[in-house]
Structure formats: C-alpha cells, structure tokens
Amino acid sequence: ELLSPHIKPLSQELFEWQNADYIKNNAHPEHLNHETITGSYVRSKSEEMIHMVLYKNKIPFRYECGLKLDDFTYYPDFTIRHPKTGETYYWEHFGKMDDADYSKNVFSKLQHYTSHGIVPTIQLITTYETKNNPFTINNAEKIVNAEVLAEITKTPEILEDNDQPVIRIEEPMIALVENGTYTVTWNGIEYL
C-alpha cells in the first residue's frame, strides 16, 4: 500500500501508453483514406480490418508509430502491447506482394528488422496479400486469436480457412552470410 501511488497496474499503464502522443508517420497523408471504427484513418482496407480486430479485442495498439533503428525511422503498421504481459510486438501488413519492386522492399525491411532483433513470428507479425489472394477480416481475427490473445506464439502457424485461400504464405527466411550481409529466401526464391 505504501508504494501503490507509485506503481500502476499494467492495464492502466497500457491505457496511458495507447492514448499518449507519439511520433506518427506524416508522409503522404493523402493516402490515409480508410476511416476506422474509432474515426481515425489508415492507408488500406486491410489495415482497417486489422485496426477493427485489435480494437474490438481491446488490444492496446498504435498506428504507424515511429520506431528508430540506427539512423532510420520505420513506421510499422501497428505497434501492439500484449494486454496481459505488456510486451511490445509489431504488425506489418504487406499488401502488394505480386509487385516485384514492392516485394524487394519488403525483404529489405524484414532484413533490417531482423538485424535489430525484431524477428518475424517472434516480435513481428507479418501478413501478406496479392490481388488474387486478398486479406480478409477472418484472417485478421485468426491471427489475433492465434498470436496475440494466445500469448503470441513463437513459431509460425499456418492459417487455413476452408472458404478462403491461405494468406499467410511461407515466412521469409533471413540468414546472415559472410561480411555481415543477409539473404532472404521466400517461397523457394533467394534474394540478396
């Protein structure tokens, strides 16, 4: 009781974290054209679905919160705090995986995250889609239930839906090779 004024319950800390000001991505505000259920705006329909599922499940999150790695600032789509442990996780949704240039940038970004200890399926949730394999609200709900609400699994989980194609395609494998460089293998193709 003597320390209680100085120690906040985790739920109070997470509430304050979620509602505090933070560095947001100010690039291309004209692309923020999908209104969420909270009245904020995101850049894609898929991000709108992820936002809705996180919000409805009372998972504390921030949209495009600045994350400084070395001299570069990334803005992960969602920075999430686990509602029971307070641990921080990031969710990146990659929506144009059938575009070669976009995919190359994705692999570069994943390499940079990994080199800073933010590893896919450990601290980083990644979702993907193509024109022929769109992301759905069911995909978002399954991922939140499997990875966030179930104490965030440390190993990849294949998500299958009888009426939808598998969206969570093979996670990129990032490997350190000579001279501090990395390679990425994704769906059997190696990228440098």
N, C-alpha and C. Protein backbone atom coordinates (compact mmCIF):
# COMPACT_ATOMS: atom_id res chain seq x y z
N GLU A 1 0.81 -1.19 0.00
CA GLU A 1 0.00 0.00 0.00
C GLU A 1 0.86 1.26 0.00
N LEU A 2 2.00 1.18 0.65
CA LEU A 2 2.88 2.34 0.72
C LEU A 2 3.37 2.74 -0.67
N LEU A 3 3.60 1.75 -1.54
CA LEU A 3 4.11 2.02 -2.89
C LEU A 3 3.00 2.16 -3.92
N SER A 4 1.76 1.84 -3.58
CA SER A 4 0.69 1.82 -4.58
C SER A 4 0.52 3.13 -5.35
N PRO A 5 0.75 4.32 -4.76
CA PRO A 5 0.64 5.52 -5.59
C PRO A 5 1.70 5.60 -6.68
N HIS A 6 2.79 4.84 -6.52
CA HIS A 6 3.90 4.89 -7.47
C HIS A 6 3.92 3.73 -8.45
N ILE A 7 3.10 2.74 -8.21
CA ILE A 7 3.07 1.55 -9.08
C ILE A 7 1.69 1.49 -9.73
N LYS A 8 1.69 1.52 -11.06
CA LYS A 8 0.42 1.46 -11.79
C LYS A 8 0.15 0.03 -12.21
N PRO A 9 -1.11 -0.38 -12.19
CA PRO A 9 -1.43 -1.69 -12.76
C PRO A 9 -1.11 -1.68 -14.25
N LEU A 10 -0.78 -2.84 -14.79
CA LEU A 10 -0.42 -2.94 -16.20
C LEU A 10 -1.53 -2.40 -17.08
N SER A 11 -2.78 -2.68 -16.75
CA SER A 11 -3.88 -2.20 -17.58
C SER A 11 -3.90 -0.67 -17.64
N GLN A 12 -3.61 -0.01 -16.53
CA GLN A 12 -3.56 1.45 -16.51
C GLN A 12 -2.38 1.96 -17.34
N GLU A 13 -1.22 1.30 -17.21
CA GLU A 13 -0.05 1.69 -18.00
C GLU A 13 -0.32 1.54 -19.49
N LEU A 14 -0.95 0.45 -19.89
CA LEU A 14 -1.24 0.23 -21.30
C LEU A 14 -2.27 1.22 -21.82
N PHE A 15 -3.26 1.55 -21.01
CA PHE A 15 -4.25 2.56 -21.40
C PHE A 15 -3.56 3.90 -21.65
N GLU A 16 -2.69 4.29 -20.73
CA GLU A 16 -1.97 5.55 -20.88
C GLU A 16 -1.05 5.52 -22.10
N TRP A 17 -0.36 4.39 -22.31
CA TRP A 17 0.52 4.24 -23.48
C TRP A 17 -0.27 4.42 -24.77
N GLN A 18 -1.41 3.75 -24.87
CA GLN A 18 -2.21 3.80 -26.09
C GLN A 18 -2.72 5.20 -26.37
N ASN A 19 -3.01 5.96 -25.34
CA ASN A 19 -3.60 7.28 -25.51
C ASN A 19 -2.59 8.42 -25.48
N ALA A 20 -1.33 8.12 -25.25
CA ALA A 20 -0.30 9.16 -25.21
C ALA A 20 0.07 9.59 -26.63
N ASP A 21 0.59 10.79 -26.75
CA ASP A 21 1.09 11.25 -28.04
C ASP A 21 2.31 10.43 -28.43
N TYR A 22 2.52 10.26 -29.73
CA TYR A 22 3.69 9.54 -30.22
C TYR A 22 4.05 10.07 -31.61
N ILE A 23 5.25 9.73 -32.06
CA ILE A 23 5.70 10.16 -33.38
C ILE A 23 4.98 9.34 -34.43
N LYS A 24 4.22 10.03 -35.29
CA LYS A 24 3.43 9.35 -36.32
C LYS A 24 4.04 9.59 -37.69
N ASN A 25 3.69 8.73 -38.60
CA ASN A 25 4.14 8.86 -39.99
C ASN A 25 3.36 9.99 -40.65
N ASN A 26 4.07 11.06 -41.00
CA ASN A 26 3.42 12.20 -41.65
C ASN A 26 3.55 12.18 -43.16
N ALA A 27 4.20 11.15 -43.69
CA ALA A 27 4.39 11.06 -45.15
C ALA A 27 3.06 10.69 -45.82
N HIS A 28 2.77 11.34 -46.89
CA HIS A 28 1.60 11.06 -47.74
C HIS A 28 0.28 10.96 -46.97
N PRO A 29 -0.10 12.02 -46.27
CA PRO A 29 -1.38 11.98 -45.54
C PRO A 29 -2.58 11.80 -46.47
N GLU A 30 -2.39 12.10 -47.76
CA GLU A 30 -3.49 11.91 -48.72
C GLU A 30 -3.84 10.44 -48.92
N HIS A 31 -2.96 9.53 -48.47
CA HIS A 31 -3.23 8.10 -48.59
C HIS A 31 -4.01 7.56 -47.39
N LEU A 32 -4.19 8.38 -46.37
CA LEU A 32 -4.98 7.98 -45.20
C LEU A 32 -6.45 8.19 -45.53
N ASN A 33 -7.02 7.27 -46.30
CA ASN A 33 -8.38 7.47 -46.79
C ASN A 33 -9.37 6.37 -46.41
N HIS A 34 -9.01 5.53 -45.44
CA HIS A 34 -9.92 4.48 -44.97
C HIS A 34 -10.25 4.77 -43.51
N GLU A 35 -11.48 5.17 -43.26
CA GLU A 35 -11.89 5.51 -41.90
C GLU A 35 -12.13 4.25 -41.08
N THR A 36 -11.62 4.24 -39.84
CA THR A 36 -11.78 3.10 -38.94
C THR A 36 -13.00 3.30 -38.05
N ILE A 37 -13.32 2.28 -37.27
CA ILE A 37 -14.46 2.38 -36.37
C ILE A 37 -14.24 3.38 -35.25
N THR A 38 -13.00 3.80 -35.03
CA THR A 38 -12.72 4.81 -33.99
C THR A 38 -12.67 6.22 -34.58
N GLY A 39 -12.85 6.34 -35.90
CA GLY A 39 -12.83 7.64 -36.54
C GLY A 39 -11.47 8.08 -37.03
N SER A 40 -10.43 7.28 -36.78
CA SER A 40 -9.10 7.60 -37.31
C SER A 40 -9.01 7.04 -38.73
N TYR A 41 -7.93 7.38 -39.42
CA TYR A 41 -7.78 6.95 -40.81
C TYR A 41 -6.51 6.13 -40.98
N VAL A 42 -6.60 5.10 -41.84
CA VAL A 42 -5.47 4.23 -42.18
C VAL A 42 -5.34 4.20 -43.70
N ARG A 43 -4.29 3.55 -44.19
CA ARG A 43 -3.94 3.61 -45.60
C ARG A 43 -4.57 2.53 -46.48
N SER A 44 -5.13 1.49 -45.89
CA SER A 44 -5.69 0.42 -46.73
C SER A 44 -6.88 -0.23 -46.04
N LYS A 45 -7.66 -0.93 -46.85
CA LYS A 45 -8.79 -1.69 -46.34
C LYS A 45 -8.32 -2.78 -45.39
N SER A 46 -7.19 -3.40 -45.71
CA SER A 46 -6.64 -4.46 -44.84
C SER A 46 -6.24 -3.89 -43.49
N GLU A 47 -5.60 -2.72 -43.49
CA GLU A 47 -5.22 -2.08 -42.22
C GLU A 47 -6.47 -1.70 -41.43
N GLU A 48 -7.52 -1.32 -42.13
CA GLU A 48 -8.79 -1.00 -41.47
C GLU A 48 -9.33 -2.24 -40.75
N MET A 49 -9.22 -3.40 -41.39
CA MET A 49 -9.69 -4.65 -40.77
C MET A 49 -8.84 -5.00 -39.55
N ILE A 50 -7.51 -4.87 -39.69
CA ILE A 50 -6.62 -5.17 -38.55
C ILE A 50 -6.93 -4.23 -37.39
N HIS A 51 -7.08 -2.95 -37.69
CA HIS A 51 -7.42 -1.95 -36.67
C HIS A 51 -8.70 -2.36 -35.94
N MET A 52 -9.73 -2.75 -36.68
CA MET A 52 -11.01 -3.11 -36.09
C MET A 52 -10.87 -4.33 -35.17
N VAL A 53 -10.13 -5.33 -35.61
CA VAL A 53 -9.99 -6.55 -34.80
C VAL A 53 -9.19 -6.25 -33.53
N LEU A 54 -8.13 -5.47 -33.64
CA LEU A 54 -7.37 -5.11 -32.44
C LEU A 54 -8.25 -4.32 -31.47
N TYR A 55 -8.97 -3.36 -31.99
CA TYR A 55 -9.84 -2.52 -31.16
C TYR A 55 -10.92 -3.35 -30.48
N LYS A 56 -11.61 -4.19 -31.23
CA LYS A 56 -12.71 -4.99 -30.66
C LYS A 56 -12.22 -5.98 -29.61
N ASN A 57 -10.95 -6.41 -29.74
CA ASN A 57 -10.39 -7.34 -28.76
C ASN A 57 -9.66 -6.64 -27.62
N LYS A 58 -9.78 -5.30 -27.58
CA LYS A 58 -9.18 -4.49 -26.51
C LYS A 58 -7.68 -4.70 -26.39
N ILE A 59 -7.03 -4.79 -27.54
CA ILE A 59 -5.58 -4.94 -27.56
C ILE A 59 -4.98 -3.54 -27.76
N PRO A 60 -4.17 -3.08 -26.82
CA PRO A 60 -3.59 -1.74 -26.96
C PRO A 60 -2.67 -1.67 -28.17
N PHE A 61 -2.85 -0.63 -28.99
CA PHE A 61 -2.03 -0.50 -30.19
C PHE A 61 -1.90 0.95 -30.59
N ARG A 62 -0.91 1.18 -31.43
CA ARG A 62 -0.71 2.48 -32.07
C ARG A 62 -0.55 2.23 -33.56
N TYR A 63 -1.08 3.14 -34.36
CA TYR A 63 -0.97 3.03 -35.81
C TYR A 63 0.20 3.87 -36.29
N GLU A 64 1.08 3.25 -37.06
CA GLU A 64 2.25 3.89 -37.66
C GLU A 64 3.02 4.73 -36.65
N CYS A 65 3.40 4.11 -35.56
CA CYS A 65 4.20 4.74 -34.51
C CYS A 65 5.68 4.64 -34.90
N GLY A 66 6.40 5.74 -34.79
CA GLY A 66 7.81 5.77 -35.17
C GLY A 66 8.65 4.76 -34.39
N LEU A 67 9.51 4.05 -35.09
CA LEU A 67 10.43 3.08 -34.50
C LEU A 67 11.81 3.36 -35.09
N LYS A 68 12.71 3.90 -34.29
CA LYS A 68 14.03 4.28 -34.77
C LYS A 68 14.97 3.09 -34.68
N LEU A 69 15.55 2.71 -35.81
CA LEU A 69 16.55 1.66 -35.89
C LEU A 69 17.78 2.27 -36.56
N ASP A 70 18.84 2.42 -35.81
CA ASP A 70 20.03 3.14 -36.27
C ASP A 70 19.62 4.56 -36.63
N ASP A 71 19.96 4.98 -37.83
CA ASP A 71 19.65 6.34 -38.26
C ASP A 71 18.37 6.41 -39.08
N PHE A 72 17.58 5.35 -39.09
CA PHE A 72 16.38 5.32 -39.91
C PHE A 72 15.16 5.11 -39.02
N THR A 73 14.08 5.78 -39.32
CA THR A 73 12.83 5.60 -38.58
C THR A 73 11.83 4.86 -39.47
N TYR A 74 11.38 3.70 -38.98
CA TYR A 74 10.31 2.96 -39.63
C TYR A 74 9.00 3.32 -38.94
N TYR A 75 7.93 3.05 -39.63
CA TYR A 75 6.60 3.25 -39.07
C TYR A 75 5.81 1.96 -39.27
N PRO A 76 6.04 0.96 -38.39
CA PRO A 76 5.29 -0.29 -38.54
C PRO A 76 3.80 0.01 -38.58
N ASP A 77 3.06 -0.77 -39.34
CA ASP A 77 1.62 -0.52 -39.45
C ASP A 77 0.98 -0.44 -38.06
N PHE A 78 1.30 -1.40 -37.21
CA PHE A 78 0.75 -1.40 -35.86
C PHE A 78 1.84 -1.78 -34.86
N THR A 79 1.92 -1.02 -33.79
CA THR A 79 2.73 -1.38 -32.63
C THR A 79 1.73 -1.83 -31.58
N ILE A 80 1.92 -3.03 -31.08
CA ILE A 80 0.94 -3.67 -30.20
C ILE A 80 1.59 -3.94 -28.85
N ARG A 81 0.84 -3.74 -27.79
CA ARG A 81 1.28 -4.15 -26.45
C ARG A 81 0.37 -5.31 -26.03
N HIS A 82 0.99 -6.38 -25.62
CA HIS A 82 0.21 -7.54 -25.20
C HIS A 82 -0.60 -7.17 -23.96
N PRO A 83 -1.93 -7.43 -23.97
CA PRO A 83 -2.78 -6.98 -22.87
C PRO A 83 -2.49 -7.63 -21.52
N LYS A 84 -1.83 -8.79 -21.51
CA LYS A 84 -1.54 -9.45 -20.24
C LYS A 84 -0.09 -9.27 -19.80
N THR A 85 0.86 -9.24 -20.74
CA THR A 85 2.28 -9.16 -20.37
C THR A 85 2.88 -7.77 -20.58
N GLY A 86 2.25 -6.96 -21.42
CA GLY A 86 2.80 -5.64 -21.72
C GLY A 86 3.90 -5.67 -22.76
N GLU A 87 4.28 -6.86 -23.23
CA GLU A 87 5.34 -6.95 -24.23
C GLU A 87 4.93 -6.23 -25.51
N THR A 88 5.95 -5.71 -26.21
CA THR A 88 5.70 -4.97 -27.45
C THR A 88 5.93 -5.86 -28.65
N TYR A 89 5.00 -5.79 -29.59
CA TYR A 89 5.08 -6.52 -30.85
C TYR A 89 4.74 -5.55 -31.98
N TYR A 90 5.15 -5.91 -33.17
CA TYR A 90 4.88 -5.08 -34.34
C TYR A 90 4.12 -5.92 -35.36
N TRP A 91 3.24 -5.27 -36.10
CA TRP A 91 2.47 -5.95 -37.15
C TRP A 91 2.66 -5.16 -38.42
N GLU A 92 3.24 -5.82 -39.41
CA GLU A 92 3.40 -5.24 -40.74
C GLU A 92 2.52 -6.03 -41.70
N HIS A 93 1.68 -5.31 -42.42
CA HIS A 93 0.87 -5.94 -43.46
C HIS A 93 1.43 -5.52 -44.81
N PHE A 94 1.75 -6.50 -45.63
CA PHE A 94 2.33 -6.24 -46.95
C PHE A 94 1.29 -6.60 -48.00
N GLY A 95 0.71 -5.58 -48.61
CA GLY A 95 -0.47 -5.75 -49.43
C GLY A 95 -0.28 -5.88 -50.92
N LYS A 96 0.94 -5.75 -51.40
CA LYS A 96 1.13 -5.83 -52.86
C LYS A 96 2.26 -6.80 -53.20
N MET A 97 2.17 -7.99 -52.66
CA MET A 97 3.26 -8.95 -52.82
C MET A 97 3.42 -9.47 -54.25
N ASP A 98 2.48 -9.17 -55.13
CA ASP A 98 2.65 -9.58 -56.52
C ASP A 98 3.38 -8.50 -57.33
N ASP A 99 3.80 -7.43 -56.70
CA ASP A 99 4.59 -6.37 -57.33
C ASP A 99 6.06 -6.61 -56.98
N ALA A 100 6.91 -6.84 -57.97
CA ALA A 100 8.31 -7.22 -57.75
C ALA A 100 9.09 -6.17 -56.96
N ASP A 101 8.94 -4.90 -57.30
CA ASP A 101 9.66 -3.84 -56.58
C ASP A 101 9.19 -3.75 -55.13
N TYR A 102 7.90 -3.83 -54.93
CA TYR A 102 7.35 -3.80 -53.58
C TYR A 102 7.89 -4.96 -52.75
N SER A 103 7.90 -6.16 -53.34
CA SER A 103 8.39 -7.34 -52.63
C SER A 103 9.86 -7.19 -52.25
N LYS A 104 10.65 -6.64 -53.15
CA LYS A 104 12.07 -6.42 -52.87
C LYS A 104 12.24 -5.50 -51.66
N ASN A 105 11.43 -4.43 -51.60
CA ASN A 105 11.48 -3.51 -50.46
C ASN A 105 11.04 -4.20 -49.17
N VAL A 106 10.06 -5.10 -49.28
CA VAL A 106 9.60 -5.86 -48.11
C VAL A 106 10.75 -6.67 -47.54
N PHE A 107 11.49 -7.37 -48.39
CA PHE A 107 12.58 -8.22 -47.92
C PHE A 107 13.69 -7.38 -47.29
N SER A 108 13.96 -6.24 -47.86
CA SER A 108 14.95 -5.34 -47.29
C SER A 108 14.53 -4.87 -45.90
N LYS A 109 13.27 -4.53 -45.77
CA LYS A 109 12.73 -4.07 -44.49
C LYS A 109 12.80 -5.20 -43.45
N LEU A 110 12.42 -6.41 -43.85
CA LEU A 110 12.47 -7.55 -42.94
C LEU A 110 13.90 -7.85 -42.51
N GLN A 111 14.83 -7.69 -43.42
CA GLN A 111 16.25 -7.89 -43.09
C GLN A 111 16.69 -6.88 -42.05
N HIS A 112 16.30 -5.63 -42.22
CA HIS A 112 16.69 -4.59 -41.28
C HIS A 112 16.05 -4.83 -39.91
N TYR A 113 14.78 -5.19 -39.88
CA TYR A 113 14.13 -5.54 -38.62
C TYR A 113 14.89 -6.68 -37.92
N THR A 114 15.17 -7.74 -38.67
CA THR A 114 15.82 -8.91 -38.09
C THR A 114 17.20 -8.57 -37.55
N SER A 115 17.94 -7.72 -38.26
CA SER A 115 19.28 -7.35 -37.79
C SER A 115 19.23 -6.55 -36.49
N HIS A 116 18.04 -6.07 -36.12
CA HIS A 116 17.86 -5.34 -34.87
C HIS A 116 17.06 -6.14 -33.85
N GLY A 117 16.96 -7.45 -34.07
CA GLY A 117 16.32 -8.33 -33.09
C GLY A 117 14.80 -8.33 -33.13
N ILE A 118 14.23 -7.76 -34.18
CA ILE A 118 12.77 -7.81 -34.35
C ILE A 118 12.50 -8.85 -35.43
N VAL A 119 12.21 -10.06 -34.99
CA VAL A 119 12.19 -11.23 -35.87
C VAL A 119 10.76 -11.65 -36.19
N PRO A 120 10.47 -11.89 -37.49
CA PRO A 120 9.14 -12.39 -37.84
C PRO A 120 8.78 -13.63 -37.04
N THR A 121 7.56 -13.70 -36.60
CA THR A 121 6.94 -14.75 -35.78
C THR A 121 7.41 -14.74 -34.33
N ILE A 122 8.30 -13.81 -33.96
CA ILE A 122 8.70 -13.68 -32.56
C ILE A 122 8.22 -12.33 -32.03
N GLN A 123 8.79 -11.23 -32.54
CA GLN A 123 8.32 -9.91 -32.15
C GLN A 123 7.56 -9.22 -33.29
N LEU A 124 7.55 -9.83 -34.45
CA LEU A 124 6.97 -9.20 -35.64
C LEU A 124 5.93 -10.11 -36.27
N ILE A 125 4.71 -9.63 -36.33
CA ILE A 125 3.64 -10.34 -37.03
C ILE A 125 3.63 -9.79 -38.45
N THR A 126 3.67 -10.68 -39.41
CA THR A 126 3.62 -10.25 -40.81
C THR A 126 2.45 -10.93 -41.51
N THR A 127 1.76 -10.14 -42.31
CA THR A 127 0.68 -10.68 -43.14
C THR A 127 0.90 -10.18 -44.55
N TYR A 128 0.42 -10.95 -45.50
CA TYR A 128 0.68 -10.68 -46.91
C TYR A 128 -0.60 -10.86 -47.71
N GLU A 129 -0.64 -10.19 -48.85
CA GLU A 129 -1.73 -10.44 -49.79
C GLU A 129 -1.28 -10.09 -51.20
N THR A 130 -2.02 -10.64 -52.13
CA THR A 130 -1.84 -10.32 -53.55
C THR A 130 -3.23 -10.01 -54.11
N LYS A 131 -3.26 -9.60 -55.36
CA LYS A 131 -4.56 -9.30 -55.98
C LYS A 131 -5.47 -10.53 -55.97
N ASN A 132 -4.88 -11.70 -56.20
CA ASN A 132 -5.66 -12.93 -56.26
C ASN A 132 -5.90 -13.56 -54.90
N ASN A 133 -5.19 -13.10 -53.87
CA ASN A 133 -5.33 -13.64 -52.52
C ASN A 133 -5.49 -12.49 -51.53
N PRO A 134 -6.68 -11.88 -51.50
CA PRO A 134 -6.88 -10.72 -50.63
C PRO A 134 -6.91 -11.10 -49.15
N PHE A 135 -6.54 -10.15 -48.33
CA PHE A 135 -6.61 -10.29 -46.87
C PHE A 135 -8.06 -10.08 -46.46
N THR A 136 -8.54 -10.87 -45.49
CA THR A 136 -9.93 -10.77 -45.06
C THR A 136 -10.02 -10.53 -43.56
N ILE A 137 -11.18 -10.14 -43.11
CA ILE A 137 -11.42 -9.95 -41.68
C ILE A 137 -11.21 -11.26 -40.93
N ASN A 138 -11.55 -12.39 -41.56
CA ASN A 138 -11.33 -13.70 -40.93
C ASN A 138 -9.84 -13.94 -40.71
N ASN A 139 -9.01 -13.54 -41.67
CA ASN A 139 -7.57 -13.69 -41.49
C ASN A 139 -7.09 -12.88 -40.29
N ALA A 140 -7.54 -11.64 -40.18
CA ALA A 140 -7.14 -10.77 -39.07
C ALA A 140 -7.58 -11.37 -37.73
N GLU A 141 -8.80 -11.86 -37.66
CA GLU A 141 -9.30 -12.44 -36.42
C GLU A 141 -8.52 -13.68 -36.02
N LYS A 142 -8.22 -14.54 -36.99
CA LYS A 142 -7.45 -15.75 -36.69
C LYS A 142 -6.05 -15.42 -36.19
N ILE A 143 -5.43 -14.43 -36.79
CA ILE A 143 -4.08 -14.05 -36.37
C ILE A 143 -4.10 -13.46 -34.97
N VAL A 144 -5.06 -12.60 -34.69
CA VAL A 144 -5.14 -12.02 -33.35
C VAL A 144 -5.40 -13.12 -32.33
N ASN A 145 -6.30 -14.03 -32.63
CA ASN A 145 -6.59 -15.12 -31.68
C ASN A 145 -5.40 -16.05 -31.51
N ALA A 146 -4.71 -16.36 -32.60
CA ALA A 146 -3.59 -17.31 -32.53
C ALA A 146 -2.32 -16.68 -32.00
N GLU A 147 -2.08 -15.42 -32.30
CA GLU A 147 -0.78 -14.84 -31.99
C GLU A 147 -0.79 -13.79 -30.90
N VAL A 148 -1.87 -13.09 -30.71
CA VAL A 148 -1.88 -12.04 -29.69
C VAL A 148 -2.60 -12.54 -28.44
N LEU A 149 -3.81 -12.98 -28.60
CA LEU A 149 -4.58 -13.40 -27.44
C LEU A 149 -4.10 -14.72 -26.85
N ALA A 150 -3.42 -15.53 -27.64
CA ALA A 150 -2.89 -16.81 -27.15
C ALA A 150 -1.42 -16.66 -26.76
N GLU A 151 -1.08 -15.53 -26.16
CA GLU A 151 0.27 -15.24 -25.68
C GLU A 151 1.31 -15.16 -26.78
N ILE A 152 0.90 -14.84 -27.98
CA ILE A 152 1.75 -14.67 -29.15
C ILE A 152 2.73 -15.84 -29.30
N THR A 153 2.41 -16.70 -30.24
CA THR A 153 3.21 -17.89 -30.46
C THR A 153 4.60 -17.53 -30.96
N LYS A 154 5.55 -18.35 -30.66
CA LYS A 154 6.93 -18.11 -31.06
C LYS A 154 7.30 -18.87 -32.33
N THR A 155 6.37 -19.65 -32.85
CA THR A 155 6.63 -20.38 -34.08
C THR A 155 5.54 -20.05 -35.09
N PRO A 156 5.87 -20.09 -36.37
CA PRO A 156 4.86 -19.75 -37.37
C PRO A 156 3.68 -20.72 -37.34
N GLU A 157 2.52 -20.22 -37.62
CA GLU A 157 1.32 -21.05 -37.66
C GLU A 157 0.67 -20.89 -39.02
N ILE A 158 0.34 -22.00 -39.64
CA ILE A 158 -0.34 -21.94 -40.93
C ILE A 158 -1.82 -21.65 -40.66
N LEU A 159 -2.33 -20.66 -41.32
CA LEU A 159 -3.74 -20.32 -41.16
C LEU A 159 -4.50 -20.81 -42.36
N GLU A 160 -5.47 -21.67 -42.12
CA GLU A 160 -6.26 -22.21 -43.21
C GLU A 160 -7.71 -21.86 -42.98
N ASP A 161 -8.39 -21.61 -44.05
CA ASP A 161 -9.80 -21.28 -43.99
C ASP A 161 -10.44 -21.99 -45.18
N ASN A 162 -11.40 -22.83 -44.92
CA ASN A 162 -11.98 -23.64 -46.00
C ASN A 162 -12.53 -22.80 -47.14
N ASP A 163 -13.05 -21.61 -46.83
CA ASP A 163 -13.64 -20.81 -47.90
C ASP A 163 -12.72 -19.70 -48.39
N GLN A 164 -11.50 -19.63 -47.89
CA GLN A 164 -10.54 -18.60 -48.31
C GLN A 164 -9.19 -19.26 -48.58
N PRO A 165 -8.42 -18.69 -49.48
CA PRO A 165 -7.07 -19.22 -49.69
C PRO A 165 -6.20 -18.93 -48.47
N VAL A 166 -5.13 -19.67 -48.33
CA VAL A 166 -4.18 -19.41 -47.25
C VAL A 166 -3.49 -18.09 -47.56
N ILE A 167 -3.57 -17.15 -46.64
CA ILE A 167 -2.98 -15.83 -46.85
C ILE A 167 -1.57 -15.79 -46.27
N ARG A 168 -1.36 -16.47 -45.17
CA ARG A 168 -0.07 -16.43 -44.52
C ARG A 168 0.86 -17.37 -45.25
N ILE A 169 1.46 -16.89 -46.30
CA ILE A 169 2.34 -17.71 -47.10
C ILE A 169 3.66 -17.90 -46.36
N GLU A 170 4.50 -18.70 -46.90
CA GLU A 170 5.77 -19.03 -46.25
C GLU A 170 6.46 -17.77 -45.74
N GLU A 171 6.82 -17.80 -44.47
CA GLU A 171 7.55 -16.66 -43.90
C GLU A 171 8.92 -16.58 -44.57
N PRO A 172 9.37 -15.38 -44.85
CA PRO A 172 10.73 -15.25 -45.40
C PRO A 172 11.75 -15.78 -44.40
N MET A 173 12.73 -16.47 -44.88
CA MET A 173 13.83 -16.96 -44.06
C MET A 173 15.00 -16.01 -44.28
N ILE A 174 15.45 -15.38 -43.22
CA ILE A 174 16.53 -14.41 -43.32
C ILE A 174 17.76 -15.02 -42.68
N ALA A 175 18.86 -15.04 -43.42
CA ALA A 175 20.07 -15.68 -42.93
C ALA A 175 21.27 -14.75 -43.09
N LEU A 176 22.11 -14.72 -42.05
CA LEU A 176 23.35 -13.96 -42.10
C LEU A 176 24.37 -14.76 -42.88
N VAL A 177 25.00 -14.12 -43.86
CA VAL A 177 26.07 -14.76 -44.61
C VAL A 177 27.35 -13.96 -44.40
N GLU A 178 28.36 -14.19 -45.17
CA GLU A 178 29.66 -13.56 -44.96
C GLU A 178 29.58 -12.04 -44.97
N ASN A 179 30.52 -11.42 -44.28
CA ASN A 179 30.71 -9.96 -44.26
C ASN A 179 29.49 -9.20 -43.77
N GLY A 180 28.68 -9.80 -42.90
CA GLY A 180 27.56 -9.08 -42.32
C GLY A 180 26.39 -8.84 -43.26
N THR A 181 26.35 -9.48 -44.42
CA THR A 181 25.23 -9.31 -45.32
C THR A 181 24.21 -10.42 -45.06
N TYR A 182 23.02 -10.23 -45.58
CA TYR A 182 21.94 -11.17 -45.36
C TYR A 182 21.36 -11.63 -46.69
N THR A 183 20.78 -12.82 -46.66
CA THR A 183 19.98 -13.28 -47.79
C THR A 183 18.58 -13.57 -47.27
N VAL A 184 17.62 -13.46 -48.14
CA VAL A 184 16.24 -13.76 -47.79
C VAL A 184 15.77 -14.83 -48.76
N THR A 185 15.22 -15.92 -48.24
CA THR A 185 14.61 -16.94 -49.07
C THR A 185 13.12 -16.91 -48.79
N TRP A 186 12.35 -16.74 -49.84
CA TRP A 186 10.91 -16.66 -49.70
C TRP A 186 10.28 -17.45 -50.82
N ASN A 187 9.46 -18.42 -50.45
CA ASN A 187 8.80 -19.30 -51.41
C ASN A 187 9.79 -19.91 -52.39
N GLY A 188 10.96 -20.33 -51.87
CA GLY A 188 11.94 -21.02 -52.68
C GLY A 188 12.84 -20.12 -53.53
N ILE A 189 12.68 -18.80 -53.44
CA ILE A 189 13.50 -17.88 -54.22
C ILE A 189 14.42 -17.14 -53.28
N GLU A 190 15.71 -17.09 -53.62
CA GLU A 190 16.69 -16.39 -52.77
C GLU A 190 16.93 -14.98 -53.28
N TYR A 191 16.89 -14.03 -52.33
CA TYR A 191 17.13 -12.62 -52.65
C TYR A 191 18.32 -12.15 -51.83
N LEU A 192 19.12 -11.28 -52.40
CA LEU A 192 20.26 -10.71 -51.66
C LEU A 192 19.93 -9.33 -51.18
